[in-house]
C-alpha atoms as a PDB file:
ATOM      1  CA  UNK A   1       0.000   0.000   0.000  1.00  0.00           C
ATOM      2  CA  UNK A   2       1.319   3.440  -0.814  1.00  0.00           C
ATOM      3  CA  UNK A   3       0.643   6.725   0.925  1.00  0.00           C
ATOM      4  CA  UNK A   4      -1.165   9.528  -0.921  1.00  0.00           C
ATOM      5  CA  UNK A   5       1.219  11.783  -2.836  1.00  0.00           C
ATOM      6  CA  UNK A   6       0.934  15.541  -2.515  1.00  0.00           C
ATOM      7  CA  UNK A   7       2.143  17.605  -5.485  1.00  0.00           C
ATOM      8  CA  UNK A   8       5.162  19.845  -4.949  1.00  0.00           C
ATOM      9  CA  UNK A   9       4.825  23.629  -5.078  1.00  0.00           C
ATOM     10  CA  UNK A  10       5.856  23.604  -8.742  1.00  0.00           C
ATOM     11  CA  UNK A  11       3.014  21.189  -9.555  1.00  0.00           C
ATOM     12  CA  UNK A  12       5.213  18.146 -10.145  1.00  0.00           C
ATOM     13  CA  UNK A  13       4.209  14.899  -8.512  1.00  0.00           C
ATOM     14  CA  UNK A  14       7.048  12.858  -6.998  1.00  0.00           C
ATOM     15  CA  UNK A  15       7.229   9.128  -7.640  1.00  0.00           C
ATOM     16  CA  UNK A  16       5.284   7.131  -5.049  1.00  0.00           C
ATOM     17  CA  UNK A  17       7.348   5.550  -2.293  1.00  0.00           C
ATOM     18  CA  UNK A  18       6.577   1.876  -1.766  1.00  0.00           C
ATOM     19  CA  UNK A  19       6.289   0.403   1.693  1.00  0.00           C
ATOM     20  CA  UNK A  20       8.590  -2.541   2.428  1.00  0.00           C
ATOM     21  CA  UNK A  21       6.027  -5.303   1.886  1.00  0.00           C
ATOM     22  CA  UNK A  22       4.801  -3.865  -1.429  1.00  0.00           C
ATOM     23  CA  UNK A  23       8.406  -3.472  -2.561  1.00  0.00           C
ATOM     24  CA  UNK A  24       9.155  -7.115  -1.663  1.00  0.00           C
ATOM     25  CA  UNK A  25       6.071  -8.274  -3.574  1.00  0.00           C
ATOM     26  CA  UNK A  26       7.339  -6.301  -6.582  1.00  0.00           C
ATOM     27  CA  UNK A  27      10.969  -7.482  -6.642  1.00  0.00           C
ATOM     28  CA  UNK A  28      10.839 -11.014  -5.206  1.00  0.00           C
ATOM     29  CA  UNK A  29       9.687 -12.754  -8.429  1.00  0.00           C
ATOM     30  CA  UNK A  30      12.819 -11.508 -10.240  1.00  0.00           C
ATOM     31  CA  UNK A  31      15.133 -12.879  -7.554  1.00  0.00           C
ATOM     32  CA  UNK A  32      13.278 -16.206  -7.339  1.00  0.00           C
ATOM     33  CA  UNK A  33      13.593 -16.515 -11.126  1.00  0.00           C
ATOM     34  CA  UNK A  34      17.360 -15.965 -11.048  1.00  0.00           C
ATOM     35  CA  UNK A  35      17.683 -18.424  -8.143  1.00  0.00           C
ATOM     36  CA  UNK A  36      16.057 -21.090 -10.293  1.00  0.00           C
ATOM     37  CA  UNK A  37      18.827 -20.701 -12.888  1.00  0.00           C
ATOM     38  CA  UNK A  38      21.719 -21.458 -10.528  1.00  0.00           C
ATOM     39  CA  UNK A  39      23.496 -18.270 -11.635  1.00  0.00           C
ATOM     40  CA  UNK A  40      25.639 -16.380  -9.112  1.00  0.00           C
ATOM     41  CA  UNK A  41      24.334 -12.841  -8.580  1.00  0.00           C
ATOM     42  CA  UNK A  42      24.443  -9.677  -6.496  1.00  0.00           C
ATOM     43  CA  UNK A  43      21.393  -7.632  -5.547  1.00  0.00           C
ATOM     44  CA  UNK A  44      22.619  -4.723  -7.643  1.00  0.00           C
ATOM     45  CA  UNK A  45      23.021  -6.837 -10.795  1.00  0.00           C
ATOM     46  CA  UNK A  46      19.443  -8.111 -10.740  1.00  0.00           C
ATOM     47  CA  UNK A  47      17.961  -4.734  -9.789  1.00  0.00           C
ATOM     48  CA  UNK A  48      19.931  -3.057 -12.588  1.00  0.00           C
ATOM     49  CA  UNK A  49      19.050  -5.697 -15.225  1.00  0.00           C
ATOM     50  CA  UNK A  50      15.330  -5.379 -14.523  1.00  0.00           C
ATOM     51  CA  UNK A  51      15.222  -1.682 -13.539  1.00  0.00           C
ATOM     52  CA  UNK A  52      13.721  -2.590 -10.166  1.00  0.00           C
ATOM     53  CA  UNK A  53      12.758   0.158  -7.696  1.00  0.00           C
ATOM     54  CA  UNK A  54      14.848   0.988  -4.659  1.00  0.00           C
ATOM     55  CA  UNK A  55      13.437  -0.147  -1.310  1.00  0.00           C
ATOM     56  CA  UNK A  56      12.079   2.405   1.171  1.00  0.00           C
ATOM     57  CA  UNK A  57      15.207   2.063   3.352  1.00  0.00           C
ATOM     58  CA  UNK A  58      18.044   0.886   1.076  1.00  0.00           C
ATOM     59  CA  UNK A  59      20.620   0.617   3.859  1.00  0.00           C
ATOM     60  CA  UNK A  60      18.587  -2.047   5.679  1.00  0.00           C
ATOM     61  CA  UNK A  61      16.002  -3.442   3.282  1.00  0.00           C
ATOM     62  CA  UNK A  62      18.355  -5.106   0.784  1.00  0.00           C
ATOM     63  CA  UNK A  63      19.933  -7.118   3.593  1.00  0.00           C
ATOM     64  CA  UNK A  64      16.572  -7.984   5.121  1.00  0.00           C
ATOM     65  CA  UNK A  65      15.302  -9.085   1.724  1.00  0.00           C
ATOM     66  CA  UNK A  66      18.243 -11.354   0.890  1.00  0.00           C
ATOM     67  CA  UNK A  67      18.125 -12.857   4.365  1.00  0.00           C
ATOM     68  CA  UNK A  68      14.430 -13.633   3.841  1.00  0.00           C
ATOM     69  CA  UNK A  69      15.357 -15.451   0.610  1.00  0.00           C
ATOM     70  CA  UNK A  70      17.937 -17.456   2.564  1.00  0.00           C
ATOM     71  CA  UNK A  71      15.483 -18.244   5.409  1.00  0.00           C
ATOM     72  CA  UNK A  72      12.927 -19.426   2.855  1.00  0.00           C
ATOM     73  CA  UNK A  73      15.506 -21.773   1.325  1.00  0.00           C
ATOM     74  CA  UNK A  74      15.518 -19.941  -2.021  1.00  0.00           C
ATOM     75  CA  UNK A  75      19.021 -18.407  -1.985  1.00  0.00           C
ATOM     76  CA  UNK A  76      22.329 -19.095  -0.291  1.00  0.00           C
ATOM     77  CA  UNK A  77      25.327 -16.876   0.260  1.00  0.00           C
ATOM     78  CA  UNK A  78      28.315 -18.081  -1.773  1.00  0.00           C
ATOM     79  CA  UNK A  79      30.992 -15.420  -1.415  1.00  0.00           C
ATOM     80  CA  UNK A  80      31.914 -11.793  -1.903  1.00  0.00           C
ATOM     81  CA  UNK A  81      32.709  -9.648  -4.916  1.00  0.00           C
ATOM     82  CA  UNK A  82      34.713  -6.440  -4.815  1.00  0.00           C
ATOM     83  CA  UNK A  83      34.295  -5.389  -8.442  1.00  0.00           C
ATOM     84  CA  UNK A  84      30.552  -5.404  -9.173  1.00  0.00           C
ATOM     85  CA  UNK A  85      29.570  -2.126  -7.560  1.00  0.00           C
ATOM     86  CA  UNK A  86      29.371   0.919  -9.803  1.00  0.00           C
ATOM     87  CA  UNK A  87      30.880   3.142  -7.102  1.00  0.00           C
ATOM     88  CA  UNK A  88      34.551   3.668  -6.490  1.00  0.00           C
ATOM     89  CA  UNK A  89      34.279   2.210  -2.994  1.00  0.00           C
ATOM     90  CA  UNK A  90      35.277  -1.352  -3.968  1.00  0.00           C
ATOM     91  CA  UNK A  91      33.711  -2.634  -0.755  1.00  0.00           C
ATOM     92  CA  UNK A  92      32.816  -6.298  -0.517  1.00  0.00           C
ATOM     93  CA  UNK A  93      29.368  -7.145  -1.877  1.00  0.00           C
ATOM     94  CA  UNK A  94      27.575 -10.397  -1.052  1.00  0.00           C
ATOM     95  CA  UNK A  95      27.221 -12.889  -3.897  1.00  0.00           C
ATOM     96  CA  UNK A  96      24.248 -15.243  -3.858  1.00  0.00           C
ATOM     97  CA  UNK A  97      22.963 -18.234  -5.810  1.00  0.00           C
ATOM     98  CA  UNK A  98      19.831 -20.310  -5.774  1.00  0.00           C
ATOM     99  CA  UNK A  99      19.691 -23.366  -3.566  1.00  0.00           C
ATOM    100  CA  UNK A 100      19.339 -26.804  -5.110  1.00  0.00           C
ATOM    101  CA  UNK A 101      15.700 -26.780  -3.992  1.00  0.00           C
ATOM    102  CA  UNK A 102      15.113 -23.481  -5.805  1.00  0.00           C
ATOM    103  CA  UNK A 103      16.850 -24.774  -8.931  1.00  0.00           C
ATOM    104  CA  UNK A 104      14.594 -27.835  -8.838  1.00  0.00           C
ATOM    105  CA  UNK A 105      11.513 -25.633  -8.405  1.00  0.00           C
ATOM    106  CA  UNK A 106      10.647 -27.013  -4.955  1.00  0.00           C
ATOM    107  CA  UNK A 107      10.716 -23.599  -3.197  1.00  0.00           C
ATOM    108  CA  UNK A 108       9.739 -20.100  -4.263  1.00  0.00           C
END
């Protein structure tokens, strides 16, 4: 569910901000689909490929989301990547892949 949007003083209407649960419902099918392939991925790669929206609280919600995929048996952490981020930070980014159950279509 989204909150009502009030136009700015110049008349423009900002993009609606999704709540966490609506955002998860929007992006989860893309991550489940990539988990079924067995491909290794980072959150940024999938979001960029599919032009997915940012979560309401990016600093916390990406981690919460990937952990929910792991708890549900859909994804598993398989390492770190220092080169996939578009920023100059070169900080370690978690790399994920689908579990064998996800690849077999037993979990979603």
